[in-house]
Amino acid sequence: MRTWFNGRLLQSPDERVVSPLDHGMIVGDGVFETIQISDNQPFALTRHLDRLVRSAEGLGIGKPDIGAIREGIAATMEGQDIGFGRIRVTVTSGPGPLGSPRGSEGLTQVVIAEPSTRPPDVASIVTVPWPRNERGALAGLKTTSYAENALMIEHAYARGASESVLPNTAGMLCEGTGSNVFYVVGEQLVTPTLAAGPLAGVTRALVLQWCAGEIDVVERDAPIDVLRTADEVILVGTTRDVQAIAKVDDRELPAPGPITRRAQEIWAREAAKGIDP
């Protein structure tokens, strides 16, 4: 693991550099991106950094210095041999007073790169009753205000699953804590619309784009109970890629099913070409 902080490559990721008054710590006032490393290359980097800017501007903390962040990514990856890993880019509103009002010292920008273990091809999920607010101030933004996600992922782990999937306030299927959801009905691959409140996932967008010519794939909203009857269920995300789901709560499913397998084949073929370096 290597860490870059506000223009400086740290000697150790444990070096103490973040102020206790940084609003990322005080109130979770920041945004982030996680980017896959594959064969020593960041995958879909431009798309992730574009979303980082959208999240930061949507949160009202200003525009991150993307040129500096790209330098930080290069610095943290230099000299490492990472067949599979991840880059975490975090931007906060910087140091400020105790309480919610922000300070004026400028943004805090951090990049971390590390090797990691590739997730399994097949996983289990649980549904939770706690809704995502599709009309909230943070809807569609990838912020560091992640406490409810941390609670929900621990809920999943305690039940032998790797992810929790949640509804929105209308009871419609929304997303996982760190993933987007697809499911199969008949021969059709379906994912919730962005109006339902999920994050506009980079992997989600690429699955829609790449599968469109070969699979009947649509965006459509449905109650979260659709997962009780769907023929196949899939999670997609930065490190998951296209992951088959073998169990939803107590219901077992074929994994990977035929549509999932086809989506995985398309993903592998197109991702091998690389994108947005």
C-alpha atoms as a PDB file:
ATOM      1  CA  MET A   1       0.000   0.000   0.000  1.00  0.00           C
ATOM      2  CA  ARG A   2       1.314   3.453  -0.958  1.00  0.00           C
ATOM      3  CA  THR A   3      -0.264   6.780  -0.030  1.00  0.00           C
ATOM      4  CA  TRP A   4      -0.119  10.275  -1.520  1.00  0.00           C
ATOM      5  CA  PHE A   5      -1.410  13.241   0.486  1.00  0.00           C
ATOM      6  CA  ASN A   6      -1.901  16.741  -0.923  1.00  0.00           C
ATOM      7  CA  GLY A   7       0.991  16.481  -3.367  1.00  0.00           C
ATOM      8  CA  ARG A   8       3.394  14.410  -1.257  1.00  0.00           C
ATOM      9  CA  LEU A   9       4.114  10.687  -1.403  1.00  0.00           C
ATOM     10  CA  LEU A  10       4.192   9.474   2.184  1.00  0.00           C
ATOM     11  CA  GLN A  11       6.949   7.309   3.569  1.00  0.00           C
ATOM     12  CA  SER A  12       4.324   5.103   5.208  1.00  0.00           C
ATOM     13  CA  PRO A  13       0.539   4.845   4.870  1.00  0.00           C
ATOM     14  CA  ASP A  14       0.471   5.094   8.676  1.00  0.00           C
ATOM     15  CA  GLU A  15       2.119   8.523   8.671  1.00  0.00           C
ATOM     16  CA  ARG A  16      -0.079  10.992  10.555  1.00  0.00           C
ATOM     17  CA  VAL A  17      -0.993  13.800   8.193  1.00  0.00           C
ATOM     18  CA  VAL A  18      -4.761  14.426   8.388  1.00  0.00           C
ATOM     19  CA  SER A  19      -5.861  17.121  10.801  1.00  0.00           C
ATOM     20  CA  PRO A  20      -8.257  16.014  13.552  1.00  0.00           C
ATOM     21  CA  LEU A  21     -10.341  18.995  12.426  1.00  0.00           C
ATOM     22  CA  ASP A  22     -10.601  17.807   8.826  1.00  0.00           C
ATOM     23  CA  HIS A  23     -14.287  17.768   7.967  1.00  0.00           C
ATOM     24  CA  GLY A  24     -13.909  14.368   6.376  1.00  0.00           C
ATOM     25  CA  MET A  25     -13.428  13.174   9.954  1.00  0.00           C
ATOM     26  CA  ILE A  26     -15.671  15.640  11.769  1.00  0.00           C
ATOM     27  CA  VAL A  27     -18.826  15.286   9.644  1.00  0.00           C
ATOM     28  CA  GLY A  28     -17.979  12.953   6.748  1.00  0.00           C
ATOM     29  CA  ASP A  29     -17.867  15.922   4.383  1.00  0.00           C
ATOM     30  CA  GLY A  30     -16.135  14.510   1.334  1.00  0.00           C
ATOM     31  CA  VAL A  31     -16.315  12.379  -1.780  1.00  0.00           C
ATOM     32  CA  PHE A  32     -14.372   9.393  -3.055  1.00  0.00           C
ATOM     33  CA  GLU A  33     -13.781   6.952  -5.872  1.00  0.00           C
ATOM     34  CA  THR A  34     -12.439   3.420  -5.963  1.00  0.00           C
ATOM     35  CA  ILE A  35     -10.711   2.442  -9.209  1.00  0.00           C
ATOM     36  CA  GLN A  36      -9.720  -1.060 -10.210  1.00  0.00           C
ATOM     37  CA  ILE A  37      -6.100  -1.827 -11.044  1.00  0.00           C
ATOM     38  CA  SER A  38      -5.729  -4.577 -13.627  1.00  0.00           C
ATOM     39  CA  ASP A  39      -2.284  -5.644 -14.867  1.00  0.00           C
ATOM     40  CA  ASN A  40      -0.732  -2.452 -13.464  1.00  0.00           C
ATOM     41  CA  GLN A  41      -3.238  -0.185 -15.188  1.00  0.00           C
ATOM     42  CA  PRO A  42      -6.138   1.776 -13.683  1.00  0.00           C
ATOM     43  CA  PHE A  43      -9.396   0.784 -15.342  1.00  0.00           C
ATOM     44  CA  ALA A  44     -11.888   3.421 -16.524  1.00  0.00           C
ATOM     45  CA  LEU A  45      -9.888   6.097 -14.717  1.00  0.00           C
ATOM     46  CA  THR A  46     -11.270   9.060 -16.648  1.00  0.00           C
ATOM     47  CA  ARG A  47     -14.851   8.006 -15.958  1.00  0.00           C
ATOM     48  CA  HIS A  48     -14.128   7.671 -12.251  1.00  0.00           C
ATOM     49  CA  LEU A  49     -12.413  11.041 -12.035  1.00  0.00           C
ATOM     50  CA  ASP A  50     -15.251  12.690 -13.958  1.00  0.00           C
ATOM     51  CA  ARG A  51     -17.669  11.271 -11.379  1.00  0.00           C
ATOM     52  CA  LEU A  52     -15.417  12.453  -8.549  1.00  0.00           C
ATOM     53  CA  VAL A  53     -15.761  16.000  -9.886  1.00  0.00           C
ATOM     54  CA  ARG A  54     -19.538  15.644 -10.230  1.00  0.00           C
ATOM     55  CA  SER A  55     -19.817  14.390  -6.661  1.00  0.00           C
ATOM     56  CA  ALA A  56     -17.588  17.139  -5.255  1.00  0.00           C
ATOM     57  CA  GLU A  57     -19.433  19.890  -7.095  1.00  0.00           C
ATOM     58  CA  GLY A  58     -22.782  18.342  -6.154  1.00  0.00           C
ATOM     59  CA  LEU A  59     -21.700  18.337  -2.514  1.00  0.00           C
ATOM     60  CA  GLY A  60     -20.632  21.962  -2.871  1.00  0.00           C
ATOM     61  CA  ILE A  61     -17.003  21.536  -1.804  1.00  0.00           C
ATOM     62  CA  GLY A  62     -15.529  22.759  -5.087  1.00  0.00           C
ATOM     63  CA  LYS A  63     -13.631  21.079  -7.909  1.00  0.00           C
ATOM     64  CA  PRO A  64     -10.771  18.704  -7.053  1.00  0.00           C
ATOM     65  CA  ASP A  65      -7.390  19.212  -8.726  1.00  0.00           C
ATOM     66  CA  ILE A  66      -7.637  16.302 -11.166  1.00  0.00           C
ATOM     67  CA  GLY A  67      -4.165  16.937 -12.593  1.00  0.00           C
ATOM     68  CA  ALA A  68      -2.648  16.601  -9.123  1.00  0.00           C
ATOM     69  CA  ILE A  69      -4.741  13.522  -8.374  1.00  0.00           C
ATOM     70  CA  ARG A  70      -3.533  11.873 -11.582  1.00  0.00           C
ATOM     71  CA  GLU A  71       0.029  12.602 -10.449  1.00  0.00           C
ATOM     72  CA  GLY A  72      -0.814  11.042  -7.094  1.00  0.00           C
ATOM     73  CA  ILE A  73      -2.146   7.924  -8.773  1.00  0.00           C
ATOM     74  CA  ALA A  74       1.008   7.586 -10.866  1.00  0.00           C
ATOM     75  CA  ALA A  75       3.205   8.119  -7.802  1.00  0.00           C
ATOM     76  CA  THR A  76       1.422   5.495  -5.698  1.00  0.00           C
ATOM     77  CA  MET A  77       1.552   2.908  -8.482  1.00  0.00           C
ATOM     78  CA  GLU A  78       5.168   3.520  -9.523  1.00  0.00           C
ATOM     79  CA  GLY A  79       7.421   0.604  -8.672  1.00  0.00           C
ATOM     80  CA  GLN A  80       4.558  -1.672  -7.699  1.00  0.00           C
ATOM     81  CA  ASP A  81       3.616  -4.821  -9.604  1.00  0.00           C
ATOM     82  CA  ILE A  82      -0.161  -5.028  -9.157  1.00  0.00           C
ATOM     83  CA  GLY A  83      -1.944  -7.695 -11.151  1.00  0.00           C
ATOM     84  CA  PHE A  84      -5.196  -6.836  -9.403  1.00  0.00           C
ATOM     85  CA  GLY A  85      -5.793  -4.075  -6.910  1.00  0.00           C
ATOM     86  CA  ARG A  86      -7.519  -0.823  -6.204  1.00  0.00           C
ATOM     87  CA  ILE A  87      -6.918   2.891  -6.007  1.00  0.00           C
ATOM     88  CA  ARG A  88      -8.862   4.921  -3.469  1.00  0.00           C
ATOM     89  CA  VAL A  89      -9.140   8.654  -4.140  1.00  0.00           C
ATOM     90  CA  THR A  90     -10.638  10.717  -1.310  1.00  0.00           C
ATOM     91  CA  VAL A  91     -11.346  14.438  -1.367  1.00  0.00           C
ATOM     92  CA  THR A  92     -12.726  16.276   1.669  1.00  0.00           C
ATOM     93  CA  SER A  93     -13.683  19.887   2.243  1.00  0.00           C
ATOM     94  CA  GLY A  94     -10.558  20.211   4.402  1.00  0.00           C
ATOM     95  CA  PRO A  95     -10.019  21.455   7.949  1.00  0.00           C
ATOM     96  CA  GLY A  96     -12.846  23.399   9.548  1.00  0.00           C
ATOM     97  CA  PRO A  97     -14.531  24.191  12.838  1.00  0.00           C
ATOM     98  CA  LEU A  98     -16.253  21.665  15.050  1.00  0.00           C
ATOM     99  CA  GLY A  99     -19.775  21.295  13.729  1.00  0.00           C
ATOM    100  CA  SER A 100     -21.204  21.424  10.232  1.00  0.00           C
ATOM    101  CA  PRO A 101     -20.035  24.807   8.819  1.00  0.00           C
ATOM    102  CA  ARG A 102     -17.011  24.388   6.564  1.00  0.00           C
ATOM    103  CA  GLY A 103     -13.613  26.014   6.844  1.00  0.00           C
ATOM    104  CA  SER A 104     -11.675  27.886   4.166  1.00  0.00           C
ATOM    105  CA  GLU A 105      -8.255  26.189   4.119  1.00  0.00           C
ATOM    106  CA  GLY A 106      -8.891  24.257   0.903  1.00  0.00           C
ATOM    107  CA  LEU A 107      -9.540  20.656  -0.021  1.00  0.00           C
ATOM    108  CA  THR A 108      -7.770  17.621   1.369  1.00  0.00           C
ATOM    109  CA  GLN A 109      -6.822  15.162  -1.412  1.00  0.00           C
ATOM    110  CA  VAL A 110      -5.598  11.634  -0.746  1.00  0.00           C
ATOM    111  CA  VAL A 111      -4.696   8.745  -3.059  1.00  0.00           C
ATOM    112  CA  ILE A 112      -3.986   5.183  -1.896  1.00  0.00           C
ATOM    113  CA  ALA A 113      -3.013   2.278  -4.164  1.00  0.00           C
ATOM    114  CA  GLU A 114      -2.755  -1.313  -3.024  1.00  0.00           C
ATOM    115  CA  PRO A 115      -2.845  -4.891  -4.302  1.00  0.00           C
ATOM    116  CA  SER A 116      -5.993  -6.735  -3.310  1.00  0.00           C
ATOM    117  CA  THR A 117      -7.737 -10.067  -3.692  1.00  0.00           C
ATOM    118  CA  ARG A 118     -10.168 -10.465  -6.561  1.00  0.00           C
ATOM    119  CA  PRO A 119     -13.727 -11.094  -5.309  1.00  0.00           C
ATOM    120  CA  PRO A 120     -15.223 -14.531  -6.000  1.00  0.00           C
ATOM    121  CA  ASP A 121     -17.212 -15.098  -9.179  1.00  0.00           C
ATOM    122  CA  VAL A 122     -20.296 -16.100  -7.173  1.00  0.00           C
ATOM    123  CA  ALA A 123     -21.656 -14.518  -3.992  1.00  0.00           C
ATOM    124  CA  SER A 124     -24.700 -14.235  -1.730  1.00  0.00           C
ATOM    125  CA  ILE A 125     -26.685 -11.142  -0.789  1.00  0.00           C
ATOM    126  CA  VAL A 126     -29.330 -10.122   1.712  1.00  0.00           C
ATOM    127  CA  THR A 127     -32.057  -7.523   1.374  1.00  0.00           C
ATOM    128  CA  VAL A 128     -32.528  -4.931   4.112  1.00  0.00           C
ATOM    129  CA  PRO A 129     -35.497  -2.782   5.140  1.00  0.00           C
ATOM    130  CA  TRP A 130     -33.515   0.452   5.476  1.00  0.00           C
ATOM    131  CA  PRO A 131     -34.219   2.652   2.425  1.00  0.00           C
ATOM    132  CA  ARG A 132     -32.009   4.846   0.282  1.00  0.00           C
ATOM    133  CA  ASN A 133     -33.514   8.332   0.002  1.00  0.00           C
ATOM    134  CA  GLU A 134     -33.770   8.887  -3.746  1.00  0.00           C
ATOM    135  CA  ARG A 135     -34.814  12.498  -3.099  1.00  0.00           C
ATOM    136  CA  GLY A 136     -32.154  13.325  -0.508  1.00  0.00           C
ATOM    137  CA  ALA A 137     -29.441  15.972  -0.780  1.00  0.00           C
ATOM    138  CA  LEU A 138     -26.790  13.296  -1.378  1.00  0.00           C
ATOM    139  CA  ALA A 139     -28.740  11.206  -3.907  1.00  0.00           C
ATOM    140  CA  GLY A 140     -26.461  10.192  -6.766  1.00  0.00           C
ATOM    141  CA  LEU A 141     -23.294  11.475  -5.058  1.00  0.00           C
ATOM    142  CA  LYS A 142     -20.468   9.186  -3.948  1.00  0.00           C
ATOM    143  CA  THR A 143     -19.726  10.720  -0.568  1.00  0.00           C
ATOM    144  CA  THR A 144     -17.684   9.671   2.441  1.00  0.00           C
ATOM    145  CA  SER A 145     -20.846   9.835   4.579  1.00  0.00           C
ATOM    146  CA  TYR A 146     -20.902   6.047   4.548  1.00  0.00           C
ATOM    147  CA  ALA A 147     -21.953   5.041   8.059  1.00  0.00           C
ATOM    148  CA  GLU A 148     -25.279   3.520   6.986  1.00  0.00           C
ATOM    149  CA  ASN A 149     -23.481   1.492   4.329  1.00  0.00           C
ATOM    150  CA  ALA A 150     -20.986   0.256   6.929  1.00  0.00           C
ATOM    151  CA  LEU A 151     -23.870  -0.838   9.138  1.00  0.00           C
ATOM    152  CA  MET A 152     -25.596  -2.635   6.266  1.00  0.00           C
ATOM    153  CA  ILE A 153     -22.481  -4.467   5.078  1.00  0.00           C
ATOM    154  CA  GLU A 154     -21.855  -5.737   8.609  1.00  0.00           C
ATOM    155  CA  HIS A 155     -25.497  -6.869   8.618  1.00  0.00           C
ATOM    156  CA  ALA A 156     -24.738  -8.892   5.471  1.00  0.00           C
ATOM    157  CA  TYR A 157     -21.502 -10.373   6.826  1.00  0.00           C
ATOM    158  CA  ALA A 158     -23.259 -11.514   9.986  1.00  0.00           C
ATOM    159  CA  ARG A 159     -25.649 -13.516   7.781  1.00  0.00           C
ATOM    160  CA  GLY A 160     -22.988 -15.119   5.596  1.00  0.00           C
ATOM    161  CA  ALA A 161     -23.491 -12.751   2.658  1.00  0.00           C
ATOM    162  CA  SER A 162     -21.099 -10.317   0.993  1.00  0.00           C
ATOM    163  CA  GLU A 163     -23.497  -7.457   0.269  1.00  0.00           C
ATOM    164  CA  SER A 164     -26.765  -5.874   1.356  1.00  0.00           C
ATOM    165  CA  VAL A 165     -29.272  -4.683  -1.235  1.00  0.00           C
ATOM    166  CA  LEU A 166     -31.756  -1.988  -0.284  1.00  0.00           C
ATOM    167  CA  PRO A 167     -34.942  -0.347  -1.529  1.00  0.00           C
ATOM    168  CA  ASN A 168     -35.636   3.344  -1.951  1.00  0.00           C
ATOM    169  CA  THR A 169     -38.267   5.198   0.055  1.00  0.00           C
ATOM    170  CA  ALA A 170     -40.985   3.970  -2.330  1.00  0.00           C
ATOM    171  CA  GLY A 171     -40.009   0.324  -1.783  1.00  0.00           C
ATOM    172  CA  MET A 172     -38.442   0.028  -5.240  1.00  0.00           C
ATOM    173  CA  LEU A 173     -35.218  -1.881  -5.801  1.00  0.00           C
ATOM    174  CA  CYS A 174     -32.351   0.615  -5.576  1.00  0.00           C
ATOM    175  CA  GLU A 175     -28.773  -0.676  -5.134  1.00  0.00           C
ATOM    176  CA  GLY A 176     -26.261  -2.456  -2.946  1.00  0.00           C
ATOM    177  CA  THR A 177     -24.139  -0.640  -0.400  1.00  0.00           C
ATOM    178  CA  GLY A 178     -21.269  -0.528  -2.891  1.00  0.00           C
ATOM    179  CA  SER A 179     -22.697  -2.085  -6.018  1.00  0.00           C
ATOM    180  CA  ASN A 180     -25.425  -1.855  -8.626  1.00  0.00           C
ATOM    181  CA  VAL A 181     -27.990  -4.615  -9.113  1.00  0.00           C
ATOM    182  CA  PHE A 182     -29.144  -6.334 -12.293  1.00  0.00           C
ATOM    183  CA  TYR A 183     -31.619  -9.188 -12.520  1.00  0.00           C
ATOM    184  CA  VAL A 184     -33.005 -11.436 -15.235  1.00  0.00           C
ATOM    185  CA  VAL A 185     -36.664 -11.986 -16.078  1.00  0.00           C
ATOM    186  CA  GLY A 186     -37.055 -14.447 -18.930  1.00  0.00           C
ATOM    187  CA  GLU A 187     -34.473 -13.374 -21.498  1.00  0.00           C
ATOM    188  CA  GLN A 188     -34.313  -9.745 -20.333  1.00  0.00           C
ATOM    189  CA  LEU A 189     -31.554  -8.212 -18.203  1.00  0.00           C
ATOM    190  CA  VAL A 190     -32.946  -5.404 -16.033  1.00  0.00           C
ATOM    191  CA  THR A 191     -31.459  -2.760 -13.718  1.00  0.00           C
ATOM    192  CA  PRO A 192     -33.178   0.054 -11.778  1.00  0.00           C
ATOM    193  CA  THR A 193     -33.285   3.492 -13.351  1.00  0.00           C
ATOM    194  CA  LEU A 194     -31.156   6.284 -11.885  1.00  0.00           C
ATOM    195  CA  ALA A 195     -34.414   7.965 -10.822  1.00  0.00           C
ATOM    196  CA  ALA A 196     -34.779   5.166  -8.254  1.00  0.00           C
ATOM    197  CA  GLY A 197     -31.763   6.615  -6.431  1.00  0.00           C
ATOM    198  CA  PRO A 198     -28.782   4.328  -7.109  1.00  0.00           C
ATOM    199  CA  LEU A 199     -25.323   5.680  -7.745  1.00  0.00           C
ATOM    200  CA  ALA A 200     -24.579   6.016 -11.456  1.00  0.00           C
ATOM    201  CA  GLY A 201     -22.024   3.220 -11.346  1.00  0.00           C
ATOM    202  CA  VAL A 202     -19.208   3.145 -13.873  1.00  0.00           C
ATOM    203  CA  THR A 203     -19.505  -0.627 -14.219  1.00  0.00           C
ATOM    204  CA  ARG A 204     -23.290  -0.317 -14.497  1.00  0.00           C
ATOM    205  CA  ALA A 205     -22.948   2.124 -17.395  1.00  0.00           C
ATOM    206  CA  LEU A 206     -20.440  -0.090 -19.195  1.00  0.00           C
ATOM    207  CA  VAL A 207     -22.603  -3.203 -18.782  1.00  0.00           C
ATOM    208  CA  LEU A 208     -25.549  -1.318 -20.294  1.00  0.00           C
ATOM    209  CA  GLN A 209     -23.366  -0.074 -23.163  1.00  0.00           C
ATOM    210  CA  TRP A 210     -21.488  -3.270 -23.919  1.00  0.00           C
ATOM    211  CA  CYS A 211     -24.399  -5.698 -23.566  1.00  0.00           C
ATOM    212  CA  ALA A 212     -26.928  -3.614 -25.501  1.00  0.00           C
ATOM    213  CA  GLY A 213     -26.187  -5.175 -28.881  1.00  0.00           C
ATOM    214  CA  GLU A 214     -26.137  -8.783 -27.659  1.00  0.00           C
ATOM    215  CA  ILE A 215     -28.574  -9.016 -24.729  1.00  0.00           C
ATOM    216  CA  ASP A 216     -32.011  -7.470 -24.238  1.00  0.00           C
ATOM    217  CA  VAL A 217     -30.956  -5.127 -21.424  1.00  0.00           C
ATOM    218  CA  VAL A 218     -33.216  -2.389 -20.029  1.00  0.00           C
ATOM    219  CA  GLU A 219     -33.517   0.118 -17.196  1.00  0.00           C
ATOM    220  CA  ARG A 220     -36.819  -0.351 -15.367  1.00  0.00           C
ATOM    221  CA  ASP A 221     -38.012   0.133 -11.800  1.00  0.00           C
ATOM    222  CA  ALA A 222     -39.715  -2.588  -9.797  1.00  0.00           C
ATOM    223  CA  PRO A 223     -40.380  -3.345  -6.112  1.00  0.00           C
ATOM    224  CA  ILE A 224     -37.430  -4.890  -4.282  1.00  0.00           C
ATOM    225  CA  ASP A 225     -39.526  -8.071  -4.005  1.00  0.00           C
ATOM    226  CA  VAL A 226     -38.685  -8.703  -7.664  1.00  0.00           C
ATOM    227  CA  LEU A 227     -35.525 -10.395  -6.358  1.00  0.00           C
ATOM    228  CA  ARG A 228     -37.752 -13.101  -4.871  1.00  0.00           C
ATOM    229  CA  THR A 229     -38.896 -14.210  -8.329  1.00  0.00           C
ATOM    230  CA  ALA A 230     -36.108 -13.129 -10.701  1.00  0.00           C
ATOM    231  CA  ASP A 231     -34.534 -15.925 -12.729  1.00  0.00           C
ATOM    232  CA  GLU A 232     -31.001 -14.631 -12.116  1.00  0.00           C
ATOM    233  CA  VAL A 233     -29.445 -11.872 -10.014  1.00  0.00           C
ATOM    234  CA  ILE A 234     -26.174 -10.039 -10.675  1.00  0.00           C
ATOM    235  CA  LEU A 235     -24.114  -7.482  -8.793  1.00  0.00           C
ATOM    236  CA  VAL A 236     -21.764  -5.187 -10.685  1.00  0.00           C
ATOM    237  CA  GLY A 237     -19.095  -2.885  -9.310  1.00  0.00           C
ATOM    238  CA  THR A 238     -15.548  -1.629  -9.588  1.00  0.00           C
ATOM    239  CA  THR A 239     -13.851  -4.692  -8.162  1.00  0.00           C
ATOM    240  CA  ARG A 240     -16.729  -7.170  -8.552  1.00  0.00           C
ATOM    241  CA  ASP A 241     -17.025  -6.622 -12.320  1.00  0.00           C
ATOM    242  CA  VAL A 242     -20.058  -8.835 -13.189  1.00  0.00           C
ATOM    243  CA  GLN A 243     -20.716 -11.138 -10.252  1.00  0.00           C
ATOM    244  CA  ALA A 244     -23.278 -13.937 -10.189  1.00  0.00           C
ATOM    245  CA  ILE A 245     -25.512 -14.184  -7.127  1.00  0.00           C
ATOM    246  CA  ALA A 246     -26.330 -17.676  -5.874  1.00  0.00           C
ATOM    247  CA  LYS A 247     -28.469 -16.706  -2.902  1.00  0.00           C
ATOM    248  CA  VAL A 248     -30.811 -13.812  -2.069  1.00  0.00           C
ATOM    249  CA  ASP A 249     -31.784 -14.022   1.605  1.00  0.00           C
ATOM    250  CA  ASP A 250     -32.906 -17.670   1.908  1.00  0.00           C
ATOM    251  CA  ARG A 251     -33.627 -18.153  -1.794  1.00  0.00           C
ATOM    252  CA  GLU A 252     -31.081 -20.054  -3.883  1.00  0.00           C
ATOM    253  CA  LEU A 253     -30.595 -19.300  -7.581  1.00  0.00           C
ATOM    254  CA  PRO A 254     -28.575 -20.803 -10.438  1.00  0.00           C
ATOM    255  CA  ALA A 255     -25.274 -18.967 -10.589  1.00  0.00           C
ATOM    256  CA  PRO A 256     -24.118 -18.140 -13.068  1.00  0.00           C
ATOM    257  CA  GLY A 257     -27.284 -18.536 -15.091  1.00  0.00           C
ATOM    258  CA  PRO A 258     -27.182 -18.332 -18.903  1.00  0.00           C
ATOM    259  CA  ILE A 259     -27.774 -14.560 -19.171  1.00  0.00           C
ATOM    260  CA  THR A 260     -25.286 -13.864 -16.387  1.00  0.00           C
ATOM    261  CA  ARG A 261     -22.713 -16.042 -18.090  1.00  0.00           C
ATOM    262  CA  ARG A 262     -23.223 -14.199 -21.362  1.00  0.00           C
ATOM    263  CA  ALA A 263     -22.875 -10.827 -19.635  1.00  0.00           C
ATOM    264  CA  GLN A 264     -19.662 -12.022 -17.991  1.00  0.00           C
ATOM    265  CA  GLU A 265     -18.270 -13.128 -21.341  1.00  0.00           C
ATOM    266  CA  ILE A 266     -19.095  -9.773 -22.922  1.00  0.00           C
ATOM    267  CA  TRP A 267     -17.554  -7.926 -19.985  1.00  0.00           C
ATOM    268  CA  ALA A 268     -14.343  -9.968 -20.100  1.00  0.00           C
ATOM    269  CA  ARG A 269     -13.989  -9.456 -23.843  1.00  0.00           C
ATOM    270  CA  GLU A 270     -14.551  -5.699 -23.766  1.00  0.00           C
ATOM    271  CA  ALA A 271     -12.667  -4.996 -20.532  1.00  0.00           C
ATOM    272  CA  ALA A 272      -9.608  -6.739 -21.953  1.00  0.00           C
ATOM    273  CA  LYS A 273      -9.370  -3.913 -24.488  1.00  0.00           C
ATOM    274  CA  GLY A 274      -8.853  -1.393 -21.668  1.00  0.00           C
ATOM    275  CA  ILE A 275     -10.730   1.883 -21.284  1.00  0.00           C
ATOM    276  CA  ASP A 276     -10.167   5.516 -20.274  1.00  0.00           C
ATOM    277  CA  PRO A 277      -6.560   5.237 -19.086  1.00  0.00           C
END
